[in-house]
Amino acid sequence: MRRQGKLEYGGQAVPLRTCVGCRVRTAKSELLRLVVVEGVITPDQQGRLPGRGASLHPAMSCLELAERRRAFTRAFRAEGTLDVTCLRAYLLDGRA
């Protein structure tokens, strides 16, 4: 029997997160954590930056879906628009 909020990966239970772009629930390790730093959405590779986080597949298609659905303002509970240029450059560089 599987526990709520966990997914079996190789016999171990791992935490799940939902991608804000495509809305698919998957293992936390497969997603990129994002935080807002002074109005700019910033990738958080180590998962240590303070503040509310959101998860996104490291793919341009998920970024475009999230922008089209205006998912970032809801996920971060922010007012106004958020700058995604830093995140877009990160994904285009392929460092994800």
PDB file of N, CA and C in Angstrom:
ATOM      1  N   MET A   1       0.832  -1.184   0.000  1.00  0.00           N
ATOM      2  CA  MET A   1       0.000   0.000   0.000  1.00  0.00           C
ATOM      3  C   MET A   1       0.877   1.249   0.000  1.00  0.00           C
ATOM      4  N   ARG A   2       0.572   2.184  -0.879  1.00  0.00           N
ATOM      5  CA  ARG A   2       1.381   3.397  -1.008  1.00  0.00           C
ATOM      6  C   ARG A   2       0.826   4.490  -0.110  1.00  0.00           C
ATOM      7  N   ARG A   3       1.741   5.212   0.553  1.00  0.00           N
ATOM      8  CA  ARG A   3       1.313   6.305   1.420  1.00  0.00           C
ATOM      9  C   ARG A   3       0.989   7.535   0.591  1.00  0.00           C
ATOM     10  N   GLN A   4       0.095   8.359   1.116  1.00  0.00           N
ATOM     11  CA  GLN A   4      -0.325   9.595   0.447  1.00  0.00           C
ATOM     12  C   GLN A   4       0.861  10.537   0.261  1.00  0.00           C
ATOM     13  N   GLY A   5       1.049  11.088  -0.962  1.00  0.00           N
ATOM     14  CA  GLY A   5       2.076  12.083  -1.196  1.00  0.00           C
ATOM     15  C   GLY A   5       3.454  11.521  -1.446  1.00  0.00           C
ATOM     16  N   LYS A   6       3.580  10.211  -1.576  1.00  0.00           N
ATOM     17  CA  LYS A   6       4.874   9.596  -1.830  1.00  0.00           C
ATOM     18  C   LYS A   6       4.773   8.734  -3.084  1.00  0.00           C
ATOM     19  N   LEU A   7       5.891   8.514  -3.722  1.00  0.00           N
ATOM     20  CA  LEU A   7       5.943   7.700  -4.922  1.00  0.00           C
ATOM     21  C   LEU A   7       7.091   6.717  -4.763  1.00  0.00           C
ATOM     22  N   GLU A   8       6.857   5.483  -5.130  1.00  0.00           N
ATOM     23  CA  GLU A   8       7.898   4.471  -4.995  1.00  0.00           C
ATOM     24  C   GLU A   8       8.916   4.592  -6.119  1.00  0.00           C
ATOM     25  N   TYR A   9      10.166   4.827  -5.782  1.00  0.00           N
ATOM     26  CA  TYR A   9      11.270   4.899  -6.730  1.00  0.00           C
ATOM     27  C   TYR A   9      12.328   3.919  -6.261  1.00  0.00           C
ATOM     28  N   GLY A  10      12.439   2.808  -6.930  1.00  0.00           N
ATOM     29  CA  GLY A  10      13.460   1.832  -6.554  1.00  0.00           C
ATOM     30  C   GLY A  10      13.293   1.300  -5.150  1.00  0.00           C
ATOM     31  N   GLY A  11      12.070   1.114  -4.705  1.00  0.00           N
ATOM     32  CA  GLY A  11      11.826   0.578  -3.375  1.00  0.00           C
ATOM     33  C   GLY A  11      11.823   1.605  -2.266  1.00  0.00           C
ATOM     34  N   GLN A  12      12.080   2.873  -2.599  1.00  0.00           N
ATOM     35  CA  GLN A  12      12.080   3.917  -1.574  1.00  0.00           C
ATOM     36  C   GLN A  12      10.964   4.913  -1.845  1.00  0.00           C
ATOM     37  N   ALA A  13      10.371   5.417  -0.785  1.00  0.00           N
ATOM     38  CA  ALA A  13       9.353   6.454  -0.921  1.00  0.00           C
ATOM     39  C   ALA A  13      10.059   7.798  -1.080  1.00  0.00           C
ATOM     40  N   VAL A  14       9.675   8.567  -2.090  1.00  0.00           N
ATOM     41  CA  VAL A  14      10.273   9.877  -2.334  1.00  0.00           C
ATOM     42  C   VAL A  14       9.181  10.943  -2.330  1.00  0.00           C
ATOM     43  N   PRO A  15       9.526  12.188  -1.957  1.00  0.00           N
ATOM     44  CA  PRO A  15       8.517  13.244  -1.955  1.00  0.00           C
ATOM     45  C   PRO A  15       8.087  13.615  -3.371  1.00  0.00           C
ATOM     46  N   LEU A  16       6.822  13.982  -3.513  1.00  0.00           N
ATOM     47  CA  LEU A  16       6.260  14.392  -4.791  1.00  0.00           C
ATOM     48  C   LEU A  16       6.078  15.893  -4.837  1.00  0.00           C
ATOM     49  N   ARG A  17       6.206  16.463  -6.009  1.00  0.00           N
ATOM     50  CA  ARG A  17       5.912  17.869  -6.261  1.00  0.00           C
ATOM     51  C   ARG A  17       5.154  17.958  -7.571  1.00  0.00           C
ATOM     52  N   THR A  18       4.431  19.045  -7.776  1.00  0.00           N
ATOM     53  CA  THR A  18       3.677  19.262  -9.008  1.00  0.00           C
ATOM     54  C   THR A  18       4.343  20.364  -9.817  1.00  0.00           C
ATOM     55  N   CYS A  19       4.554  20.104 -11.093  1.00  0.00           N
ATOM     56  CA  CYS A  19       5.122  21.097 -11.999  1.00  0.00           C
ATOM     57  C   CYS A  19       4.073  22.185 -12.223  1.00  0.00           C
ATOM     58  N   VAL A  20       4.458  23.456 -12.059  1.00  0.00           N
ATOM     59  CA  VAL A  20       3.499  24.544 -12.234  1.00  0.00           C
ATOM     60  C   VAL A  20       3.135  24.743 -13.700  1.00  0.00           C
ATOM     61  N   GLY A  21       3.935  24.193 -14.616  1.00  0.00           N
ATOM     62  CA  GLY A  21       3.652  24.332 -16.041  1.00  0.00           C
ATOM     63  C   GLY A  21       2.661  23.291 -16.529  1.00  0.00           C
ATOM     64  N   CYS A  22       3.063  22.029 -16.495  1.00  0.00           N
ATOM     65  CA  CYS A  22       2.232  20.962 -17.057  1.00  0.00           C
ATOM     66  C   CYS A  22       1.310  20.315 -16.034  1.00  0.00           C
ATOM     67  N   ARG A  23       1.463  20.638 -14.757  1.00  0.00           N
ATOM     68  CA  ARG A  23       0.624  20.139 -13.668  1.00  0.00           C
ATOM     69  C   ARG A  23       0.760  18.635 -13.443  1.00  0.00           C
ATOM     70  N   VAL A  24       1.898  18.044 -13.808  1.00  0.00           N
ATOM     71  CA  VAL A  24       2.151  16.622 -13.599  1.00  0.00           C
ATOM     72  C   VAL A  24       2.892  16.450 -12.276  1.00  0.00           C
ATOM     73  N   ARG A  25       2.400  15.519 -11.446  1.00  0.00           N
ATOM     74  CA  ARG A  25       3.068  15.221 -10.177  1.00  0.00           C
ATOM     75  C   ARG A  25       4.169  14.220 -10.431  1.00  0.00           C
ATOM     76  N   THR A  26       5.362  14.526  -9.949  1.00  0.00           N
ATOM     77  CA  THR A  26       6.503  13.638 -10.124  1.00  0.00           C
ATOM     78  C   THR A  26       7.447  13.782  -8.935  1.00  0.00           C
ATOM     79  N   ALA A  27       8.509  13.015  -8.947  1.00  0.00           N
ATOM     80  CA  ALA A  27       9.472  13.048  -7.849  1.00  0.00           C
ATOM     81  C   ALA A  27      10.140  14.420  -7.769  1.00  0.00           C
ATOM     82  N   LYS A  28      10.371  14.853  -6.545  1.00  0.00           N
ATOM     83  CA  LYS A  28      10.985  16.160  -6.306  1.00  0.00           C
ATOM     84  C   LYS A  28      12.334  16.291  -7.005  1.00  0.00           C
ATOM     85  N   SER A  29      13.089  15.198  -7.084  1.00  0.00           N
ATOM     86  CA  SER A  29      14.428  15.228  -7.676  1.00  0.00           C
ATOM     87  C   SER A  29      14.409  15.478  -9.182  1.00  0.00           C
ATOM     88  N   GLU A  30      13.285  15.256  -9.851  1.00  0.00           N
ATOM     89  CA  GLU A  30      13.193  15.464 -11.292  1.00  0.00           C
ATOM     90  C   GLU A  30      12.772  16.883 -11.666  1.00  0.00           C
ATOM     91  N   LEU A  31      12.428  17.684 -10.671  1.00  0.00           N
ATOM     92  CA  LEU A  31      11.953  19.041 -10.920  1.00  0.00           C
ATOM     93  C   LEU A  31      12.982  20.073 -10.460  1.00  0.00           C
ATOM     94  N   LEU A  32      12.866  21.267 -11.006  1.00  0.00           N
ATOM     95  CA  LEU A  32      13.721  22.391 -10.646  1.00  0.00           C
ATOM     96  C   LEU A  32      12.954  23.284  -9.676  1.00  0.00           C
ATOM     97  N   ARG A  33      13.554  23.564  -8.515  1.00  0.00           N
ATOM     98  CA  ARG A  33      12.904  24.446  -7.544  1.00  0.00           C
ATOM     99  C   ARG A  33      13.155  25.894  -7.941  1.00  0.00           C
ATOM    100  N   LEU A  34      12.120  26.704  -7.839  1.00  0.00           N
ATOM    101  CA  LEU A  34      12.199  28.119  -8.184  1.00  0.00           C
ATOM    102  C   LEU A  34      11.800  28.946  -6.977  1.00  0.00           C
ATOM    103  N   VAL A  35      12.438  30.099  -6.817  1.00  0.00           N
ATOM    104  CA  VAL A  35      12.062  31.065  -5.784  1.00  0.00           C
ATOM    105  C   VAL A  35      12.068  32.454  -6.407  1.00  0.00           C
ATOM    106  N   VAL A  36      11.397  33.395  -5.748  1.00  0.00           N
ATOM    107  CA  VAL A  36      11.380  34.781  -6.213  1.00  0.00           C
ATOM    108  C   VAL A  36      12.353  35.585  -5.362  1.00  0.00           C
ATOM    109  N   VAL A  37      13.309  36.225  -6.034  1.00  0.00           N
ATOM    110  CA  VAL A  37      14.275  37.099  -5.368  1.00  0.00           C
ATOM    111  C   VAL A  37      14.127  38.480  -5.983  1.00  0.00           C
ATOM    112  N   GLU A  38      13.562  39.401  -5.224  1.00  0.00           N
ATOM    113  CA  GLU A  38      13.346  40.792  -5.653  1.00  0.00           C
ATOM    114  C   GLU A  38      12.591  40.881  -6.976  1.00  0.00           C
ATOM    115  N   GLY A  39      11.522  40.116  -7.097  1.00  0.00           N
ATOM    116  CA  GLY A  39      10.673  40.173  -8.281  1.00  0.00           C
ATOM    117  C   GLY A  39      11.162  39.370  -9.469  1.00  0.00           C
ATOM    118  N   VAL A  40      12.263  38.628  -9.296  1.00  0.00           N
ATOM    119  CA  VAL A  40      12.828  37.826 -10.380  1.00  0.00           C
ATOM    120  C   VAL A  40      12.736  36.348  -9.984  1.00  0.00           C
ATOM    121  N   ILE A  41      12.182  35.523 -10.874  1.00  0.00           N
ATOM    122  CA  ILE A  41      12.113  34.086 -10.621  1.00  0.00           C
ATOM    123  C   ILE A  41      13.502  33.505 -10.853  1.00  0.00           C
ATOM    124  N   THR A  42      14.046  32.876  -9.810  1.00  0.00           N
ATOM    125  CA  THR A  42      15.420  32.389  -9.824  1.00  0.00           C
ATOM    126  C   THR A  42      15.444  30.884  -9.594  1.00  0.00           C
ATOM    127  N   PRO A  43      16.237  30.136 -10.382  1.00  0.00           N
ATOM    128  CA  PRO A  43      16.394  28.698 -10.124  1.00  0.00           C
ATOM    129  C   PRO A  43      17.163  28.475  -8.826  1.00  0.00           C
ATOM    130  N   ASP A  44      16.728  27.509  -8.037  1.00  0.00           N
ATOM    131  CA  ASP A  44      17.360  27.184  -6.762  1.00  0.00           C
ATOM    132  C   ASP A  44      17.845  25.742  -6.841  1.00  0.00           C
ATOM    133  N   GLN A  45      19.053  25.550  -7.348  1.00  0.00           N
ATOM    134  CA  GLN A  45      19.572  24.202  -7.562  1.00  0.00           C
ATOM    135  C   GLN A  45      19.778  23.433  -6.263  1.00  0.00           C
ATOM    136  N   GLN A  46      20.282  24.083  -5.237  1.00  0.00           N
ATOM    137  CA  GLN A  46      20.549  23.393  -3.978  1.00  0.00           C
ATOM    138  C   GLN A  46      19.311  23.272  -3.095  1.00  0.00           C
ATOM    139  N   GLY A  47      18.250  24.014  -3.405  1.00  0.00           N
ATOM    140  CA  GLY A  47      17.037  23.949  -2.599  1.00  0.00           C
ATOM    141  C   GLY A  47      17.185  24.613  -1.250  1.00  0.00           C
ATOM    142  N   ARG A  48      18.037  25.605  -1.155  1.00  0.00           N
ATOM    143  CA  ARG A  48      18.313  26.237   0.130  1.00  0.00           C
ATOM    144  C   ARG A  48      17.916  27.706   0.215  1.00  0.00           C
ATOM    145  N   LEU A  49      17.505  28.308  -0.888  1.00  0.00           N
ATOM    146  CA  LEU A  49      17.137  29.719  -0.847  1.00  0.00           C
ATOM    147  C   LEU A  49      15.859  29.906  -0.029  1.00  0.00           C
ATOM    148  N   PRO A  50      15.788  30.993   0.737  1.00  0.00           N
ATOM    149  CA  PRO A  50      14.594  31.214   1.555  1.00  0.00           C
ATOM    150  C   PRO A  50      13.411  31.670   0.711  1.00  0.00           C
ATOM    151  N   GLY A  51      12.243  31.467   1.256  1.00  0.00           N
ATOM    152  CA  GLY A  51      11.025  31.934   0.597  1.00  0.00           C
ATOM    153  C   GLY A  51      10.201  30.796   0.032  1.00  0.00           C
ATOM    154  N   ARG A  52       9.054  31.169  -0.454  1.00  0.00           N
ATOM    155  CA  ARG A  52       8.122  30.204  -1.023  1.00  0.00           C
ATOM    156  C   ARG A  52       8.692  29.658  -2.324  1.00  0.00           C
ATOM    157  N   GLY A  53       8.633  28.364  -2.499  1.00  0.00           N
ATOM    158  CA  GLY A  53       9.172  27.737  -3.695  1.00  0.00           C
ATOM    159  C   GLY A  53       8.078  27.187  -4.591  1.00  0.00           C
ATOM    160  N   ALA A  54       8.429  26.993  -5.844  1.00  0.00           N
ATOM    161  CA  ALA A  54       7.562  26.338  -6.820  1.00  0.00           C
ATOM    162  C   ALA A  54       8.449  25.402  -7.625  1.00  0.00           C
ATOM    163  N   SER A  55       7.857  24.377  -8.203  1.00  0.00           N
ATOM    164  CA  SER A  55       8.619  23.389  -8.952  1.00  0.00           C
ATOM    165  C   SER A  55       8.235  23.421 -10.420  1.00  0.00           C
ATOM    166  N   LEU A  56       9.223  23.155 -11.272  1.00  0.00           N
ATOM    167  CA  LEU A  56       9.020  23.189 -12.716  1.00  0.00           C
ATOM    168  C   LEU A  56       9.930  22.159 -13.360  1.00  0.00           C
ATOM    169  N   HIS A  57       9.406  21.433 -14.358  1.00  0.00           N
ATOM    170  CA  HIS A  57      10.286  20.568 -15.144  1.00  0.00           C
ATOM    171  C   HIS A  57      11.313  21.456 -15.844  1.00  0.00           C
ATOM    172  N   PRO A  58      12.563  21.027 -15.918  1.00  0.00           N
ATOM    173  CA  PRO A  58      13.573  21.856 -16.592  1.00  0.00           C
ATOM    174  C   PRO A  58      13.449  21.778 -18.111  1.00  0.00           C
ATOM    175  N   ALA A  59      12.312  22.225 -18.630  1.00  0.00           N
ATOM    176  CA  ALA A  59      12.035  22.201 -20.067  1.00  0.00           C
ATOM    177  C   ALA A  59      11.338  23.494 -20.460  1.00  0.00           C
ATOM    178  N   MET A  60      11.680  23.990 -21.641  1.00  0.00           N
ATOM    179  CA  MET A  60      11.070  25.234 -22.128  1.00  0.00           C
ATOM    180  C   MET A  60       9.570  25.086 -22.312  1.00  0.00           C
ATOM    181  N   SER A  61       9.103  23.897 -22.684  1.00  0.00           N
ATOM    182  CA  SER A  61       7.667  23.706 -22.892  1.00  0.00           C
ATOM    183  C   SER A  61       6.891  23.937 -21.598  1.00  0.00           C
ATOM    184  N   CYS A  62       7.418  23.482 -20.479  1.00  0.00           N
ATOM    185  CA  CYS A  62       6.736  23.696 -19.194  1.00  0.00           C
ATOM    186  C   CYS A  62       6.791  25.165 -18.779  1.00  0.00           C
ATOM    187  N   LEU A  63       7.903  25.834 -19.078  1.00  0.00           N
ATOM    188  CA  LEU A  63       8.006  27.266 -18.786  1.00  0.00           C
ATOM    189  C   LEU A  63       6.967  28.044 -19.583  1.00  0.00           C
ATOM    190  N   GLU A  64       6.832  27.735 -20.865  1.00  0.00           N
ATOM    191  CA  GLU A  64       5.854  28.428 -21.709  1.00  0.00           C
ATOM    192  C   GLU A  64       4.429  28.164 -21.256  1.00  0.00           C
ATOM    193  N   LEU A  65       4.138  26.928 -20.839  1.00  0.00           N
ATOM    194  CA  LEU A  65       2.806  26.615 -20.309  1.00  0.00           C
ATOM    195  C   LEU A  65       2.522  27.424 -19.046  1.00  0.00           C
ATOM    196  N   ALA A  66       3.498  27.499 -18.162  1.00  0.00           N
ATOM    197  CA  ALA A  66       3.319  28.233 -16.909  1.00  0.00           C
ATOM    198  C   ALA A  66       3.092  29.720 -17.172  1.00  0.00           C
ATOM    199  N   GLU A  67       3.821  30.274 -18.130  1.00  0.00           N
ATOM    200  CA  GLU A  67       3.635  31.693 -18.473  1.00  0.00           C
ATOM    201  C   GLU A  67       2.251  31.922 -19.069  1.00  0.00           C
ATOM    202  N   ARG A  68       1.843  31.035 -19.964  1.00  0.00           N
ATOM    203  CA  ARG A  68       0.543  31.196 -20.620  1.00  0.00           C
ATOM    204  C   ARG A  68      -0.606  31.072 -19.624  1.00  0.00           C
ATOM    205  N   ARG A  69      -0.460  30.190 -18.650  1.00  0.00           N
ATOM    206  CA  ARG A  69      -1.503  29.989 -17.643  1.00  0.00           C
ATOM    207  C   ARG A  69      -1.403  30.971 -16.471  1.00  0.00           C
ATOM    208  N   ARG A  70      -0.394  31.829 -16.482  1.00  0.00           N
ATOM    209  CA  ARG A  70      -0.121  32.766 -15.378  1.00  0.00           C
ATOM    210  C   ARG A  70       0.015  32.021 -14.043  1.00  0.00           C
ATOM    211  N   ALA A  71       0.706  30.911 -14.095  1.00  0.00           N
ATOM    212  CA  ALA A  71       0.820  30.037 -12.925  1.00  0.00           C
ATOM    213  C   ALA A  71       1.805  30.557 -11.888  1.00  0.00           C
ATOM    214  N   PHE A  72       2.803  31.326 -12.309  1.00  0.00           N
ATOM    215  CA  PHE A  72       3.819  31.774 -11.365  1.00  0.00           C
ATOM    216  C   PHE A  72       3.258  32.725 -10.307  1.00  0.00           C
ATOM    217  N   THR A  73       2.396  33.646 -10.717  1.00  0.00           N
ATOM    218  CA  THR A  73       1.843  34.583  -9.727  1.00  0.00           C
ATOM    219  C   THR A  73       0.987  33.841  -8.704  1.00  0.00           C
ATOM    220  N   ARG A  74       0.283  32.799  -9.138  1.00  0.00           N
ATOM    221  CA  ARG A  74      -0.508  32.004  -8.188  1.00  0.00           C
ATOM    222  C   ARG A  74       0.387  31.155  -7.292  1.00  0.00           C
ATOM    223  N   ALA A  75       1.386  30.510  -7.887  1.00  0.00           N
ATOM    224  CA  ALA A  75       2.262  29.614  -7.116  1.00  0.00           C
ATOM    225  C   ALA A  75       3.050  30.370  -6.050  1.00  0.00           C
ATOM    226  N   PHE A  76       3.505  31.570  -6.389  1.00  0.00           N
ATOM    227  CA  PHE A  76       4.290  32.360  -5.441  1.00  0.00           C
ATOM    228  C   PHE A  76       3.425  33.309  -4.611  1.00  0.00           C
ATOM    229  N   ARG A  77       2.127  33.312  -4.888  1.00  0.00           N
ATOM    230  CA  ARG A  77       1.191  34.219  -4.202  1.00  0.00           C
ATOM    231  C   ARG A  77       1.682  35.658  -4.299  1.00  0.00           C
ATOM    232  N   ALA A  78       2.094  36.030  -5.501  1.00  0.00           N
ATOM    233  CA  ALA A  78       2.645  37.366  -5.743  1.00  0.00           C
ATOM    234  C   ALA A  78       1.626  38.234  -6.458  1.00  0.00           C
ATOM    235  N   GLU A  79       1.784  39.514  -6.308  1.00  0.00           N
ATOM    236  CA  GLU A  79       0.938  40.469  -7.018  1.00  0.00           C
ATOM    237  C   GLU A  79       1.765  41.099  -8.122  1.00  0.00           C
ATOM    238  N   GLY A  80       1.137  41.341  -9.257  1.00  0.00           N
ATOM    239  CA  GLY A  80       1.850  41.923 -10.383  1.00  0.00           C
ATOM    240  C   GLY A  80       2.560  40.860 -11.199  1.00  0.00           C
ATOM    241  N   THR A  81       3.457  41.296 -12.043  1.00  0.00           N
ATOM    242  CA  THR A  81       4.173  40.364 -12.909  1.00  0.00           C
ATOM    243  C   THR A  81       5.542  40.028 -12.327  1.00  0.00           C
ATOM    244  N   LEU A  82       6.020  38.853 -12.655  1.00  0.00           N
ATOM    245  CA  LEU A  82       7.331  38.404 -12.213  1.00  0.00           C
ATOM    246  C   LEU A  82       8.238  38.262 -13.432  1.00  0.00           C
ATOM    247  N   ASP A  83       9.494  38.579 -13.266  1.00  0.00           N
ATOM    248  CA  ASP A  83      10.466  38.526 -14.358  1.00  0.00           C
ATOM    249  C   ASP A  83      10.989  37.100 -14.516  1.00  0.00           C
ATOM    250  N   VAL A  84      10.854  36.537 -15.721  1.00  0.00           N
ATOM    251  CA  VAL A  84      11.304  35.170 -15.977  1.00  0.00           C
ATOM    252  C   VAL A  84      12.555  35.116 -16.858  1.00  0.00           C
ATOM    253  N   THR A  85      13.186  36.250 -17.132  1.00  0.00           N
ATOM    254  CA  THR A  85      14.337  36.253 -18.041  1.00  0.00           C
ATOM    255  C   THR A  85      15.504  35.432 -17.491  1.00  0.00           C
ATOM    256  N   CYS A  86      15.739  35.478 -16.201  1.00  0.00           N
ATOM    257  CA  CYS A  86      16.825  34.702 -15.585  1.00  0.00           C
ATOM    258  C   CYS A  86      16.543  33.207 -15.724  1.00  0.00           C
ATOM    259  N   LEU A  87      15.317  32.802 -15.473  1.00  0.00           N
ATOM    260  CA  LEU A  87      14.927  31.398 -15.598  1.00  0.00           C
ATOM    261  C   LEU A  87      15.002  30.942 -17.051  1.00  0.00           C
ATOM    262  N   ARG A  88      14.525  31.775 -17.966  1.00  0.00           N
ATOM    263  CA  ARG A  88      14.575  31.432 -19.393  1.00  0.00           C
ATOM    264  C   ARG A  88      16.025  31.248 -19.857  1.00  0.00           C
ATOM    265  N   ALA A  89      16.922  32.133 -19.434  1.00  0.00           N
ATOM    266  CA  ALA A  89      18.336  32.014 -19.803  1.00  0.00           C
ATOM    267  C   ALA A  89      18.942  30.735 -19.212  1.00  0.00           C
ATOM    268  N   TYR A  90      18.565  30.410 -17.992  1.00  0.00           N
ATOM    269  CA  TYR A  90      19.049  29.195 -17.340  1.00  0.00           C
ATOM    270  C   TYR A  90      18.636  27.950 -18.122  1.00  0.00           C
ATOM    271  N   LEU A  91      17.377  27.903 -18.542  1.00  0.00           N
ATOM    272  CA  LEU A  91      16.892  26.744 -19.294  1.00  0.00           C
ATOM    273  C   LEU A  91      17.490  26.670 -20.695  1.00  0.00           C
ATOM    274  N   LEU A  92      17.703  27.809 -21.321  1.00  0.00           N
ATOM    275  CA  LEU A  92      18.298  27.816 -22.661  1.00  0.00           C
ATOM    276  C   LEU A  92      19.762  27.406 -22.640  1.00  0.00           C
ATOM    277  N   ASP A  93      20.480  27.729 -21.556  1.00  0.00           N
ATOM    278  CA  ASP A  93      21.886  27.328 -21.415  1.00  0.00           C
ATOM    279  C   ASP A  93      22.027  25.829 -21.241  1.00  0.00           C
ATOM    280  N   GLY A  94      20.946  25.180 -20.796  1.00  0.00           N
ATOM    281  CA  GLY A  94      20.991  23.742 -20.595  1.00  0.00           C
ATOM    282  C   GLY A  94      21.690  23.325 -19.330  1.00  0.00           C
ATOM    283  N   ARG A  95      21.763  24.223 -18.353  1.00  0.00           N
ATOM    284  CA  ARG A  95      22.424  23.893 -17.094  1.00  0.00           C
ATOM    285  C   ARG A  95      21.503  23.130 -16.154  1.00  0.00           C
ATOM    286  N   ALA A  96      20.261  22.943 -16.563  1.00  0.00           N
ATOM    287  CA  ALA A  96      19.291  22.279 -15.679  1.00  0.00           C
ATOM    288  C   ALA A  96      19.581  20.812 -15.552  1.00  0.00           C
TER     289      ALA A  96
END
